[in-house]
Amino acid sequence: MAAEARVRAFRLGLGAETRAAWALRLTGWRIVARRFAEGPAEVDLIALRGRTLAFVEVKARADLATAAEAVSERQQRRIRRAAEAFLARRPVYAGYVVTFDVVLVCPGRWPKRLPNAFGF
């Protein structure tokens, strides 16, 4: 039973990431990486628009308020570490503006991007 719940949650997360990626693409962003991981550091999406590189956490919940509250301090540290690892291996992005965004995904609603949701 617990395994089924994990599989269901995993699929929900993948679907939310796909919706978030399409919403970003339709607003001019190019997806550079999905599910980037370096050790325990992980970020859902990395997107590029102009000279801005966004490290994006996707949260799928029943409503926007619950989704917005779901990014913990621990997750923020994990995303920052992933950003550091990504940038260290890709000097081509040196000098780009880096943002940490959150995309909230709720049933029946267009994904909502929260730019600069937390700092470096």
PDB file of N, CA and C in Angstrom:
ATOM      1  N   MET A   1       0.823  -1.194   0.000  1.00  0.00           N
ATOM      2  CA  MET A   1       0.000   0.000   0.000  1.00  0.00           C
ATOM      3  C   MET A   1       0.866   1.257   0.000  1.00  0.00           C
ATOM      4  N   ALA A   2       1.917   1.286   0.822  1.00  0.00           N
ATOM      5  CA  ALA A   2       2.792   2.457   0.867  1.00  0.00           C
ATOM      6  C   ALA A   2       3.516   2.633  -0.462  1.00  0.00           C
ATOM      7  N   ALA A   3       3.883   1.522  -1.096  1.00  0.00           N
ATOM      8  CA  ALA A   3       4.559   1.598  -2.391  1.00  0.00           C
ATOM      9  C   ALA A   3       3.641   2.213  -3.439  1.00  0.00           C
ATOM     10  N   GLU A   4       2.366   1.851  -3.410  1.00  0.00           N
ATOM     11  CA  GLU A   4       1.399   2.423  -4.350  1.00  0.00           C
ATOM     12  C   GLU A   4       1.266   3.930  -4.139  1.00  0.00           C
ATOM     13  N   ALA A   5       1.265   4.364  -2.898  1.00  0.00           N
ATOM     14  CA  ALA A   5       1.153   5.794  -2.594  1.00  0.00           C
ATOM     15  C   ALA A   5       2.384   6.536  -3.104  1.00  0.00           C
ATOM     16  N   ARG A   6       3.562   5.941  -2.956  1.00  0.00           N
ATOM     17  CA  ARG A   6       4.786   6.575  -3.455  1.00  0.00           C
ATOM     18  C   ARG A   6       4.765   6.688  -4.975  1.00  0.00           C
ATOM     19  N   VAL A   7       4.311   5.631  -5.647  1.00  0.00           N
ATOM     20  CA  VAL A   7       4.226   5.655  -7.110  1.00  0.00           C
ATOM     21  C   VAL A   7       3.230   6.724  -7.553  1.00  0.00           C
ATOM     22  N   ARG A   8       2.105   6.816  -6.883  1.00  0.00           N
ATOM     23  CA  ARG A   8       1.090   7.817  -7.200  1.00  0.00           C
ATOM     24  C   ARG A   8       1.647   9.226  -6.999  1.00  0.00           C
ATOM     25  N   ALA A   9       2.368   9.454  -5.899  1.00  0.00           N
ATOM     26  CA  ALA A   9       2.964  10.763  -5.625  1.00  0.00           C
ATOM     27  C   ALA A   9       4.035  11.095  -6.659  1.00  0.00           C
ATOM     28  N   PHE A  10       4.838  10.096  -7.042  1.00  0.00           N
ATOM     29  CA  PHE A  10       5.869  10.300  -8.057  1.00  0.00           C
ATOM     30  C   PHE A  10       5.238  10.722  -9.380  1.00  0.00           C
ATOM     31  N   ARG A  11       4.188  10.031  -9.784  1.00  0.00           N
ATOM     32  CA  ARG A  11       3.507  10.363 -11.040  1.00  0.00           C
ATOM     33  C   ARG A  11       2.880  11.745 -10.984  1.00  0.00           C
ATOM     34  N   LEU A  12       2.287  12.084  -9.854  1.00  0.00           N
ATOM     35  CA  LEU A  12       1.706  13.418  -9.671  1.00  0.00           C
ATOM     36  C   LEU A  12       2.803  14.478  -9.828  1.00  0.00           C
ATOM     37  N   GLY A  13       3.961  14.237  -9.219  1.00  0.00           N
ATOM     38  CA  GLY A  13       5.077  15.169  -9.315  1.00  0.00           C
ATOM     39  C   GLY A  13       5.584  15.322 -10.735  1.00  0.00           C
ATOM     40  N   LEU A  14       5.716  14.220 -11.463  1.00  0.00           N
ATOM     41  CA  LEU A  14       6.161  14.289 -12.858  1.00  0.00           C
ATOM     42  C   LEU A  14       5.177  15.073 -13.709  1.00  0.00           C
ATOM     43  N   GLY A  15       3.887  14.820 -13.489  1.00  0.00           N
ATOM     44  CA  GLY A  15       2.861  15.553 -14.236  1.00  0.00           C
ATOM     45  C   GLY A  15       2.904  17.041 -13.929  1.00  0.00           C
ATOM     46  N   ALA A  16       3.099  17.384 -12.660  1.00  0.00           N
ATOM     47  CA  ALA A  16       3.185  18.794 -12.268  1.00  0.00           C
ATOM     48  C   ALA A  16       4.408  19.448 -12.893  1.00  0.00           C
ATOM     49  N   GLU A  17       5.537  18.747 -12.902  1.00  0.00           N
ATOM     50  CA  GLU A  17       6.748  19.290 -13.518  1.00  0.00           C
ATOM     51  C   GLU A  17       6.556  19.518 -15.011  1.00  0.00           C
ATOM     52  N   THR A  18       5.869  18.604 -15.660  1.00  0.00           N
ATOM     53  CA  THR A  18       5.602  18.751 -17.092  1.00  0.00           C
ATOM     54  C   THR A  18       4.711  19.961 -17.345  1.00  0.00           C
ATOM     55  N   ARG A  19       3.666  20.128 -16.549  1.00  0.00           N
ATOM     56  CA  ARG A  19       2.785  21.300 -16.691  1.00  0.00           C
ATOM     57  C   ARG A  19       3.562  22.581 -16.432  1.00  0.00           C
ATOM     58  N   ALA A  20       4.407  22.582 -15.410  1.00  0.00           N
ATOM     59  CA  ALA A  20       5.202  23.768 -15.086  1.00  0.00           C
ATOM     60  C   ALA A  20       6.169  24.089 -16.229  1.00  0.00           C
ATOM     61  N   ALA A  21       6.811  23.062 -16.780  1.00  0.00           N
ATOM     62  CA  ALA A  21       7.748  23.270 -17.880  1.00  0.00           C
ATOM     63  C   ALA A  21       7.041  23.879 -19.089  1.00  0.00           C
ATOM     64  N   TRP A  22       5.857  23.387 -19.411  1.00  0.00           N
ATOM     65  CA  TRP A  22       5.112  23.951 -20.544  1.00  0.00           C
ATOM     66  C   TRP A  22       4.679  25.379 -20.271  1.00  0.00           C
ATOM     67  N   ALA A  23       4.257  25.662 -19.052  1.00  0.00           N
ATOM     68  CA  ALA A  23       3.866  27.034 -18.707  1.00  0.00           C
ATOM     69  C   ALA A  23       5.061  27.973 -18.857  1.00  0.00           C
ATOM     70  N   LEU A  24       6.232  27.531 -18.419  1.00  0.00           N
ATOM     71  CA  LEU A  24       7.432  28.349 -18.572  1.00  0.00           C
ATOM     72  C   LEU A  24       7.772  28.544 -20.050  1.00  0.00           C
ATOM     73  N   ARG A  25       7.726  27.471 -20.818  1.00  0.00           N
ATOM     74  CA  ARG A  25       8.032  27.569 -22.251  1.00  0.00           C
ATOM     75  C   ARG A  25       7.102  28.564 -22.952  1.00  0.00           C
ATOM     76  N   LEU A  26       5.842  28.505 -22.605  1.00  0.00           N
ATOM     77  CA  LEU A  26       4.855  29.372 -23.251  1.00  0.00           C
ATOM     78  C   LEU A  26       5.008  30.841 -22.857  1.00  0.00           C
ATOM     79  N   THR A  27       5.803  31.104 -21.822  1.00  0.00           N
ATOM     80  CA  THR A  27       6.065  32.484 -21.416  1.00  0.00           C
ATOM     81  C   THR A  27       7.508  32.893 -21.724  1.00  0.00           C
ATOM     82  N   GLY A  28       8.140  32.167 -22.658  1.00  0.00           N
ATOM     83  CA  GLY A  28       9.439  32.580 -23.159  1.00  0.00           C
ATOM     84  C   GLY A  28      10.664  31.945 -22.528  1.00  0.00           C
ATOM     85  N   TRP A  29      10.481  31.008 -21.628  1.00  0.00           N
ATOM     86  CA  TRP A  29      11.618  30.343 -20.989  1.00  0.00           C
ATOM     87  C   TRP A  29      12.010  29.111 -21.794  1.00  0.00           C
ATOM     88  N   ARG A  30      13.302  28.784 -21.757  1.00  0.00           N
ATOM     89  CA  ARG A  30      13.805  27.547 -22.349  1.00  0.00           C
ATOM     90  C   ARG A  30      14.243  26.653 -21.201  1.00  0.00           C
ATOM     91  N   ILE A  31      13.788  25.420 -21.199  1.00  0.00           N
ATOM     92  CA  ILE A  31      14.157  24.477 -20.140  1.00  0.00           C
ATOM     93  C   ILE A  31      15.554  23.938 -20.446  1.00  0.00           C
ATOM     94  N   VAL A  32      16.485  24.193 -19.540  1.00  0.00           N
ATOM     95  CA  VAL A  32      17.875  23.776 -19.695  1.00  0.00           C
ATOM     96  C   VAL A  32      18.075  22.381 -19.094  1.00  0.00           C
ATOM     97  N   ALA A  33      17.372  22.106 -17.984  1.00  0.00           N
ATOM     98  CA  ALA A  33      17.509  20.801 -17.327  1.00  0.00           C
ATOM     99  C   ALA A  33      16.244  20.497 -16.537  1.00  0.00           C
ATOM    100  N   ARG A  34      15.948  19.213 -16.437  1.00  0.00           N
ATOM    101  CA  ARG A  34      14.851  18.726 -15.599  1.00  0.00           C
ATOM    102  C   ARG A  34      15.434  17.755 -14.591  1.00  0.00           C
ATOM    103  N   ARG A  35      14.970  17.860 -13.351  1.00  0.00           N
ATOM    104  CA  ARG A  35      15.385  16.951 -12.286  1.00  0.00           C
ATOM    105  C   ARG A  35      16.903  16.879 -12.160  1.00  0.00           C
ATOM    106  N   PHE A  36      17.546  18.026 -12.154  1.00  0.00           N
ATOM    107  CA  PHE A  36      18.997  18.071 -12.003  1.00  0.00           C
ATOM    108  C   PHE A  36      19.356  17.671 -10.579  1.00  0.00           C
ATOM    109  N   ALA A  37      20.263  16.712 -10.451  1.00  0.00           N
ATOM    110  CA  ALA A  37      20.673  16.239  -9.129  1.00  0.00           C
ATOM    111  C   ALA A  37      22.185  16.095  -9.086  1.00  0.00           C
ATOM    112  N   GLU A  38      22.734  16.474  -7.955  1.00  0.00           N
ATOM    113  CA  GLU A  38      24.163  16.324  -7.683  1.00  0.00           C
ATOM    114  C   GLU A  38      24.257  15.897  -6.225  1.00  0.00           C
ATOM    115  N   GLY A  39      24.436  14.606  -5.989  1.00  0.00           N
ATOM    116  CA  GLY A  39      24.408  14.099  -4.618  1.00  0.00           C
ATOM    117  C   GLY A  39      23.033  14.355  -4.015  1.00  0.00           C
ATOM    118  N   PRO A  40      22.997  14.885  -2.802  1.00  0.00           N
ATOM    119  CA  PRO A  40      21.693  15.156  -2.179  1.00  0.00           C
ATOM    120  C   PRO A  40      21.035  16.443  -2.685  1.00  0.00           C
ATOM    121  N   ALA A  41      21.765  17.235  -3.473  1.00  0.00           N
ATOM    122  CA  ALA A  41      21.220  18.482  -4.007  1.00  0.00           C
ATOM    123  C   ALA A  41      20.389  18.169  -5.248  1.00  0.00           C
ATOM    124  N   GLU A  42      19.196  18.781  -5.330  1.00  0.00           N
ATOM    125  CA  GLU A  42      18.303  18.495  -6.457  1.00  0.00           C
ATOM    126  C   GLU A  42      17.391  19.682  -6.699  1.00  0.00           C
ATOM    127  N   VAL A  43      17.103  19.923  -7.974  1.00  0.00           N
ATOM    128  CA  VAL A  43      16.156  20.975  -8.353  1.00  0.00           C
ATOM    129  C   VAL A  43      15.285  20.424  -9.481  1.00  0.00           C
ATOM    130  N   ASP A  44      14.016  20.799  -9.478  1.00  0.00           N
ATOM    131  CA  ASP A  44      13.073  20.239 -10.448  1.00  0.00           C
ATOM    132  C   ASP A  44      13.351  20.695 -11.880  1.00  0.00           C
ATOM    133  N   LEU A  45      13.476  22.012 -12.074  1.00  0.00           N
ATOM    134  CA  LEU A  45      13.679  22.567 -13.412  1.00  0.00           C
ATOM    135  C   LEU A  45      14.738  23.664 -13.363  1.00  0.00           C
ATOM    136  N   ILE A  46      15.479  23.778 -14.452  1.00  0.00           N
ATOM    137  CA  ILE A  46      16.374  24.917 -14.633  1.00  0.00           C
ATOM    138  C   ILE A  46      15.960  25.536 -15.953  1.00  0.00           C
ATOM    139  N   ALA A  47      15.619  26.827 -15.907  1.00  0.00           N
ATOM    140  CA  ALA A  47      15.080  27.496 -17.089  1.00  0.00           C
ATOM    141  C   ALA A  47      15.884  28.751 -17.397  1.00  0.00           C
ATOM    142  N   LEU A  48      15.923  29.100 -18.670  1.00  0.00           N
ATOM    143  CA  LEU A  48      16.708  30.223 -19.145  1.00  0.00           C
ATOM    144  C   LEU A  48      15.828  31.143 -19.988  1.00  0.00           C
ATOM    145  N   ARG A  49      15.919  32.445 -19.708  1.00  0.00           N
ATOM    146  CA  ARG A  49      15.268  33.448 -20.553  1.00  0.00           C
ATOM    147  C   ARG A  49      16.178  34.666 -20.577  1.00  0.00           C
ATOM    148  N   GLY A  50      16.701  34.960 -21.759  1.00  0.00           N
ATOM    149  CA  GLY A  50      17.663  36.058 -21.870  1.00  0.00           C
ATOM    150  C   GLY A  50      18.910  35.720 -21.074  1.00  0.00           C
ATOM    151  N   ARG A  51      19.273  36.608 -20.150  1.00  0.00           N
ATOM    152  CA  ARG A  51      20.447  36.388 -19.294  1.00  0.00           C
ATOM    153  C   ARG A  51      20.037  36.003 -17.882  1.00  0.00           C
ATOM    154  N   THR A  52      18.820  35.482 -17.728  1.00  0.00           N
ATOM    155  CA  THR A  52      18.334  35.041 -16.415  1.00  0.00           C
ATOM    156  C   THR A  52      18.234  33.526 -16.396  1.00  0.00           C
ATOM    157  N   LEU A  53      18.851  32.935 -15.390  1.00  0.00           N
ATOM    158  CA  LEU A  53      18.823  31.493 -15.193  1.00  0.00           C
ATOM    159  C   LEU A  53      18.027  31.226 -13.924  1.00  0.00           C
ATOM    160  N   ALA A  54      16.906  30.534 -14.062  1.00  0.00           N
ATOM    161  CA  ALA A  54      16.019  30.280 -12.926  1.00  0.00           C
ATOM    162  C   ALA A  54      16.110  28.821 -12.495  1.00  0.00           C
ATOM    163  N   PHE A  55      16.332  28.625 -11.201  1.00  0.00           N
ATOM    164  CA  PHE A  55      16.280  27.300 -10.589  1.00  0.00           C
ATOM    165  C   PHE A  55      14.889  27.202  -9.986  1.00  0.00           C
ATOM    166  N   VAL A  56      14.109  26.254 -10.490  1.00  0.00           N
ATOM    167  CA  VAL A  56      12.671  26.235 -10.223  1.00  0.00           C
ATOM    168  C   VAL A  56      12.261  24.997  -9.428  1.00  0.00           C
ATOM    169  N   GLU A  57      11.610  25.227  -8.314  1.00  0.00           N
ATOM    170  CA  GLU A  57      10.994  24.152  -7.529  1.00  0.00           C
ATOM    171  C   GLU A  57       9.511  24.125  -7.896  1.00  0.00           C
ATOM    172  N   VAL A  58       8.997  22.942  -8.191  1.00  0.00           N
ATOM    173  CA  VAL A  58       7.589  22.785  -8.557  1.00  0.00           C
ATOM    174  C   VAL A  58       6.859  22.147  -7.385  1.00  0.00           C
ATOM    175  N   LYS A  59       5.732  22.736  -7.003  1.00  0.00           N
ATOM    176  CA  LYS A  59       4.925  22.197  -5.912  1.00  0.00           C
ATOM    177  C   LYS A  59       3.501  21.977  -6.389  1.00  0.00           C
ATOM    178  N   ALA A  60       3.032  20.754  -6.278  1.00  0.00           N
ATOM    179  CA  ALA A  60       1.662  20.408  -6.653  1.00  0.00           C
ATOM    180  C   ALA A  60       0.868  20.139  -5.379  1.00  0.00           C
ATOM    181  N   ARG A  61      -0.183  20.887  -5.207  1.00  0.00           N
ATOM    182  CA  ARG A  61      -1.058  20.725  -4.051  1.00  0.00           C
ATOM    183  C   ARG A  61      -2.495  20.987  -4.485  1.00  0.00           C
ATOM    184  N   ALA A  62      -3.426  20.776  -3.591  1.00  0.00           N
ATOM    185  CA  ALA A  62      -4.840  20.957  -3.894  1.00  0.00           C
ATOM    186  C   ALA A  62      -5.201  22.424  -4.116  1.00  0.00           C
ATOM    187  N   ASP A  63      -4.470  23.350  -3.469  1.00  0.00           N
ATOM    188  CA  ASP A  63      -4.745  24.774  -3.646  1.00  0.00           C
ATOM    189  C   ASP A  63      -3.437  25.562  -3.606  1.00  0.00           C
ATOM    190  N   LEU A  64      -3.491  26.793  -4.093  1.00  0.00           N
ATOM    191  CA  LEU A  64      -2.283  27.611  -4.196  1.00  0.00           C
ATOM    192  C   LEU A  64      -1.655  27.921  -2.848  1.00  0.00           C
ATOM    193  N   ALA A  65      -2.467  28.211  -1.844  1.00  0.00           N
ATOM    194  CA  ALA A  65      -1.928  28.566  -0.529  1.00  0.00           C
ATOM    195  C   ALA A  65      -1.124  27.415   0.066  1.00  0.00           C
ATOM    196  N   THR A  66      -1.656  26.210  -0.012  1.00  0.00           N
ATOM    197  CA  THR A  66      -0.953  25.042   0.509  1.00  0.00           C
ATOM    198  C   THR A  66       0.326  24.790  -0.276  1.00  0.00           C
ATOM    199  N   ALA A  67       0.262  24.962  -1.582  1.00  0.00           N
ATOM    200  CA  ALA A  67       1.439  24.761  -2.424  1.00  0.00           C
ATOM    201  C   ALA A  67       2.520  25.784  -2.080  1.00  0.00           C
ATOM    202  N   ALA A  68       2.129  27.024  -1.866  1.00  0.00           N
ATOM    203  CA  ALA A  68       3.098  28.084  -1.572  1.00  0.00           C
ATOM    204  C   ALA A  68       3.825  27.845  -0.258  1.00  0.00           C
ATOM    205  N   GLU A  69       3.169  27.221   0.690  1.00  0.00           N
ATOM    206  CA  GLU A  69       3.771  26.962   1.997  1.00  0.00           C
ATOM    207  C   GLU A  69       4.656  25.720   2.006  1.00  0.00           C
ATOM    208  N   ALA A  70       4.685  24.980   0.912  1.00  0.00           N
ATOM    209  CA  ALA A  70       5.325  23.665   0.893  1.00  0.00           C
ATOM    210  C   ALA A  70       6.837  23.681   0.676  1.00  0.00           C
ATOM    211  N   VAL A  71       7.425  24.833   0.393  1.00  0.00           N
ATOM    212  CA  VAL A  71       8.870  24.881   0.164  1.00  0.00           C
ATOM    213  C   VAL A  71       9.559  25.196   1.487  1.00  0.00           C
ATOM    214  N   SER A  72      10.146  24.174   2.081  1.00  0.00           N
ATOM    215  CA  SER A  72      10.774  24.309   3.400  1.00  0.00           C
ATOM    216  C   SER A  72      12.181  24.910   3.288  1.00  0.00           C
ATOM    217  N   GLU A  73      12.726  25.319   4.422  1.00  0.00           N
ATOM    218  CA  GLU A  73      14.110  25.815   4.476  1.00  0.00           C
ATOM    219  C   GLU A  73      15.078  24.735   4.003  1.00  0.00           C
ATOM    220  N   ARG A  74      14.825  23.517   4.391  1.00  0.00           N
ATOM    221  CA  ARG A  74      15.681  22.393   3.987  1.00  0.00           C
ATOM    222  C   ARG A  74      15.696  22.239   2.467  1.00  0.00           C
ATOM    223  N   GLN A  75      14.520  22.340   1.851  1.00  0.00           N
ATOM    224  CA  GLN A  75      14.442  22.250   0.393  1.00  0.00           C
ATOM    225  C   GLN A  75      15.159  23.426  -0.263  1.00  0.00           C
ATOM    226  N   GLN A  76      15.035  24.604   0.318  1.00  0.00           N
ATOM    227  CA  GLN A  76      15.725  25.773  -0.226  1.00  0.00           C
ATOM    228  C   GLN A  76      17.236  25.562  -0.218  1.00  0.00           C
ATOM    229  N   ARG A  77      17.763  25.004   0.868  1.00  0.00           N
ATOM    230  CA  ARG A  77      19.204  24.708   0.931  1.00  0.00           C
ATOM    231  C   ARG A  77      19.589  23.690  -0.133  1.00  0.00           C
ATOM    232  N   ARG A  78      18.774  22.671  -0.325  1.00  0.00           N
ATOM    233  CA  ARG A  78      19.029  21.633  -1.324  1.00  0.00           C
ATOM    234  C   ARG A  78      19.062  22.243  -2.729  1.00  0.00           C
ATOM    235  N   ILE A  79      18.156  23.161  -3.001  1.00  0.00           N
ATOM    236  CA  ILE A  79      18.093  23.812  -4.316  1.00  0.00           C
ATOM    237  C   ILE A  79      19.301  24.725  -4.514  1.00  0.00           C
ATOM    238  N   ARG A  80      19.688  25.450  -3.472  1.00  0.00           N
ATOM    239  CA  ARG A  80      20.875  26.310  -3.562  1.00  0.00           C
ATOM    240  C   ARG A  80      22.131  25.485  -3.859  1.00  0.00           C
ATOM    241  N   ARG A  81      22.258  24.338  -3.175  1.00  0.00           N
ATOM    242  CA  ARG A  81      23.415  23.462  -3.428  1.00  0.00           C
ATOM    243  C   ARG A  81      23.405  22.938  -4.865  1.00  0.00           C
ATOM    244  N   ALA A  82      22.223  22.602  -5.372  1.00  0.00           N
ATOM    245  CA  ALA A  82      22.114  22.150  -6.761  1.00  0.00           C
ATOM    246  C   ALA A  82      22.521  23.265  -7.714  1.00  0.00           C
ATOM    247  N   ALA A  83      22.110  24.487  -7.421  1.00  0.00           N
ATOM    248  CA  ALA A  83      22.474  25.632  -8.264  1.00  0.00           C
ATOM    249  C   ALA A  83      23.989  25.831  -8.268  1.00  0.00           C
ATOM    250  N   GLU A  84      24.604  25.750  -7.098  1.00  0.00           N
ATOM    251  CA  GLU A  84      26.056  25.901  -7.013  1.00  0.00           C
ATOM    252  C   GLU A  84      26.766  24.835  -7.830  1.00  0.00           C
ATOM    253  N   ALA A  85      26.298  23.589  -7.731  1.00  0.00           N
ATOM    254  CA  ALA A  85      26.916  22.494  -8.483  1.00  0.00           C
ATOM    255  C   ALA A  85      26.715  22.688  -9.984  1.00  0.00           C
ATOM    256  N   PHE A  86      25.525  23.073 -10.387  1.00  0.00           N
ATOM    257  CA  PHE A  86      25.227  23.296 -11.802  1.00  0.00           C
ATOM    258  C   PHE A  86      26.116  24.400 -12.367  1.00  0.00           C
ATOM    259  N   LEU A  87      26.203  25.517 -11.654  1.00  0.00           N
ATOM    260  CA  LEU A  87      26.986  26.660 -12.128  1.00  0.00           C
ATOM    261  C   LEU A  87      28.485  26.364 -12.125  1.00  0.00           C
ATOM    262  N   ALA A  88      28.957  25.583 -11.167  1.00  0.00           N
ATOM    263  CA  ALA A  88      30.377  25.242 -11.095  1.00  0.00           C
ATOM    264  C   ALA A  88      30.811  24.420 -12.309  1.00  0.00           C
ATOM    265  N   ARG A  89      29.912  23.614 -12.838  1.00  0.00           N
ATOM    266  CA  ARG A  89      30.248  22.753 -13.979  1.00  0.00           C
ATOM    267  C   ARG A  89      29.942  23.411 -15.326  1.00  0.00           C
ATOM    268  N   ARG A  90      29.299  24.569 -15.292  1.00  0.00           N
ATOM    269  CA  ARG A  90      28.907  25.222 -16.542  1.00  0.00           C
ATOM    270  C   ARG A  90      29.295  26.704 -16.509  1.00  0.00           C
ATOM    271  N   PRO A  91      30.583  26.992 -16.723  1.00  0.00           N
ATOM    272  CA  PRO A  91      31.044  28.388 -16.651  1.00  0.00           C
ATOM    273  C   PRO A  91      30.397  29.292 -17.697  1.00  0.00           C
ATOM    274  N   VAL A  92      29.760  28.712 -18.707  1.00  0.00           N
ATOM    275  CA  VAL A  92      29.091  29.516 -19.721  1.00  0.00           C
ATOM    276  C   VAL A  92      28.015  30.420 -19.084  1.00  0.00           C
ATOM    277  N   TYR A  93      27.490  30.034 -17.922  1.00  0.00           N
ATOM    278  CA  TYR A  93      26.438  30.813 -17.255  1.00  0.00           C
ATOM    279  C   TYR A  93      26.994  31.825 -16.247  1.00  0.00           C
ATOM    280  N   ALA A  94      28.319  31.962 -16.170  1.00  0.00           N
ATOM    281  CA  ALA A  94      28.913  32.958 -15.273  1.00  0.00           C
ATOM    282  C   ALA A  94      28.428  34.336 -15.712  1.00  0.00           C
ATOM    283  N   GLY A  95      28.015  35.143 -14.772  1.00  0.00           N
ATOM    284  CA  GLY A  95      27.531  36.482 -15.093  1.00  0.00           C
ATOM    285  C   GLY A  95      26.041  36.564 -15.371  1.00  0.00           C
ATOM    286  N   TYR A  96      25.369  35.431 -15.437  1.00  0.00           N
ATOM    287  CA  TYR A  96      23.925  35.442 -15.631  1.00  0.00           C
ATOM    288  C   TYR A  96      23.251  35.821 -14.300  1.00  0.00           C
ATOM    289  N   VAL A  97      22.071  36.380 -14.393  1.00  0.00           N
ATOM    290  CA  VAL A  97      21.269  36.664 -13.205  1.00  0.00           C
ATOM    291  C   VAL A  97      20.640  35.339 -12.786  1.00  0.00           C
ATOM    292  N   VAL A  98      20.827  34.972 -11.524  1.00  0.00           N
ATOM    293  CA  VAL A  98      20.290  33.708 -11.010  1.00  0.00           C
ATOM    294  C   VAL A  98      19.098  34.010 -10.109  1.00  0.00           C
ATOM    295  N   THR A  99      17.987  33.303 -10.357  1.00  0.00           N
ATOM    296  CA  THR A  99      16.814  33.426  -9.499  1.00  0.00           C
ATOM    297  C   THR A  99      16.388  32.049  -9.015  1.00  0.00           C
ATOM    298  N   PHE A 100      15.713  32.052  -7.878  1.00  0.00           N
ATOM    299  CA  PHE A 100      15.135  30.825  -7.321  1.00  0.00           C
ATOM    300  C   PHE A 100      13.625  31.025  -7.318  1.00  0.00           C
ATOM    301  N   ASP A 101      12.972  30.339  -8.233  1.00  0.00           N
ATOM    302  CA  ASP A 101      11.541  30.498  -8.421  1.00  0.00           C
ATOM    303  C   ASP A 101      10.797  29.260  -7.938  1.00  0.00           C
ATOM    304  N   VAL A 102       9.523  29.440  -7.694  1.00  0.00           N
ATOM    305  CA  VAL A 102       8.642  28.329  -7.359  1.00  0.00           C
ATOM    306  C   VAL A 102       7.474  28.389  -8.337  1.00  0.00           C
ATOM    307  N   VAL A 103       7.082  27.239  -8.860  1.00  0.00           N
ATOM    308  CA  VAL A 103       5.889  27.154  -9.689  1.00  0.00           C
ATOM    309  C   VAL A 103       4.876  26.301  -8.935  1.00  0.00           C
ATOM    310  N   LEU A 104       3.719  26.892  -8.695  1.00  0.00           N
ATOM    311  CA  LEU A 104       2.645  26.222  -7.966  1.00  0.00           C
ATOM    312  C   LEU A 104       1.688  25.606  -8.973  1.00  0.00           C
ATOM    313  N   VAL A 105       1.376  24.330  -8.776  1.00  0.00           N
ATOM    314  CA  VAL A 105       0.494  23.614  -9.687  1.00  0.00           C
ATOM    315  C   VAL A 105      -0.687  23.084  -8.889  1.00  0.00           C
ATOM    316  N   CYS A 106      -1.888  23.483  -9.312  1.00  0.00           N
ATOM    317  CA  CYS A 106      -3.122  23.044  -8.651  1.00  0.00           C
ATOM    318  C   CYS A 106      -4.090  22.529  -9.707  1.00  0.00           C
ATOM    319  N   PRO A 107      -4.945  21.589  -9.351  1.00  0.00           N
ATOM    320  CA  PRO A 107      -5.913  21.060 -10.320  1.00  0.00           C
ATOM    321  C   PRO A 107      -6.805  22.168 -10.881  1.00  0.00           C
ATOM    322  N   GLY A 108      -6.995  22.142 -12.190  1.00  0.00           N
ATOM    323  CA  GLY A 108      -7.919  23.066 -12.835  1.00  0.00           C
ATOM    324  C   GLY A 108      -7.443  24.502 -12.943  1.00  0.00           C
ATOM    325  N   ARG A 109      -6.159  24.762 -12.640  1.00  0.00           N
ATOM    326  CA  ARG A 109      -5.628  26.127 -12.708  1.00  0.00           C
ATOM    327  C   ARG A 109      -4.347  26.144 -13.518  1.00  0.00           C
ATOM    328  N   TRP A 110      -4.075  27.279 -14.133  1.00  0.00           N
ATOM    329  CA  TRP A 110      -2.815  27.466 -14.839  1.00  0.00           C
ATOM    330  C   TRP A 110      -1.692  27.523 -13.799  1.00  0.00           C
ATOM    331  N   PRO A 111      -0.552  26.891 -14.022  1.00  0.00           N
ATOM    332  CA  PRO A 111       0.555  26.970 -13.057  1.00  0.00           C
ATOM    333  C   PRO A 111       0.953  28.424 -12.784  1.00  0.00           C
ATOM    334  N   LYS A 112       1.234  28.714 -11.525  1.00  0.00           N
ATOM    335  CA  LYS A 112       1.581  30.080 -11.102  1.00  0.00           C
ATOM    336  C   LYS A 112       3.046  30.134 -10.715  1.00  0.00           C
ATOM    337  N   ARG A 113       3.783  31.014 -11.388  1.00  0.00           N
ATOM    338  CA  ARG A 113       5.212  31.187 -11.110  1.00  0.00           C
ATOM    339  C   ARG A 113       5.407  32.285 -10.076  1.00  0.00           C
ATOM    340  N   LEU A 114       6.186  31.967  -9.042  1.00  0.00           N
ATOM    341  CA  LEU A 114       6.571  32.948  -8.035  1.00  0.00           C
ATOM    342  C   LEU A 114       8.053  33.251  -8.253  1.00  0.00           C
ATOM    343  N   PRO A 115       8.363  34.368  -8.943  1.00  0.00           N
ATOM    344  CA  PRO A 115       9.767  34.681  -9.200  1.00  0.00           C
ATOM    345  C   PRO A 115      10.472  35.103  -7.912  1.00  0.00           C
ATOM    346  N   ASN A 116      11.758  34.787  -7.845  1.00  0.00           N
ATOM    347  CA  ASN A 116      12.573  35.165  -6.686  1.00  0.00           C
ATOM    348  C   ASN A 116      11.906  34.785  -5.362  1.00  0.00           C
ATOM    349  N   ALA A 117      11.449  33.560  -5.278  1.00  0.00           N
ATOM    350  CA  ALA A 117      10.727  33.098  -4.088  1.00  0.00           C
ATOM    351  C   ALA A 117      11.634  33.048  -2.861  1.00  0.00           C
ATOM    352  N   PHE A 118      12.923  32.840  -3.076  1.00  0.00           N
ATOM    353  CA  PHE A 118      13.897  32.871  -1.976  1.00  0.00           C
ATOM    354  C   PHE A 118      15.258  33.215  -2.565  1.00  0.00           C
ATOM    355  N   GLY A 119      16.180  33.654  -1.712  1.00  0.00           N
ATOM    356  CA  GLY A 119      17.471  34.147  -2.181  1.00  0.00           C
ATOM    357  C   GLY A 119      18.574  33.111  -2.173  1.00  0.00           C
ATOM    358  N   PHE A 120      19.725  33.532  -2.712  1.00  0.00           N
ATOM    359  CA  PHE A 120      20.910  32.682  -2.777  1.00  0.00           C
ATOM    360  C   PHE A 120      21.493  32.642  -1.408  1.00  0.00           C
TER     361      PHE A 120
END
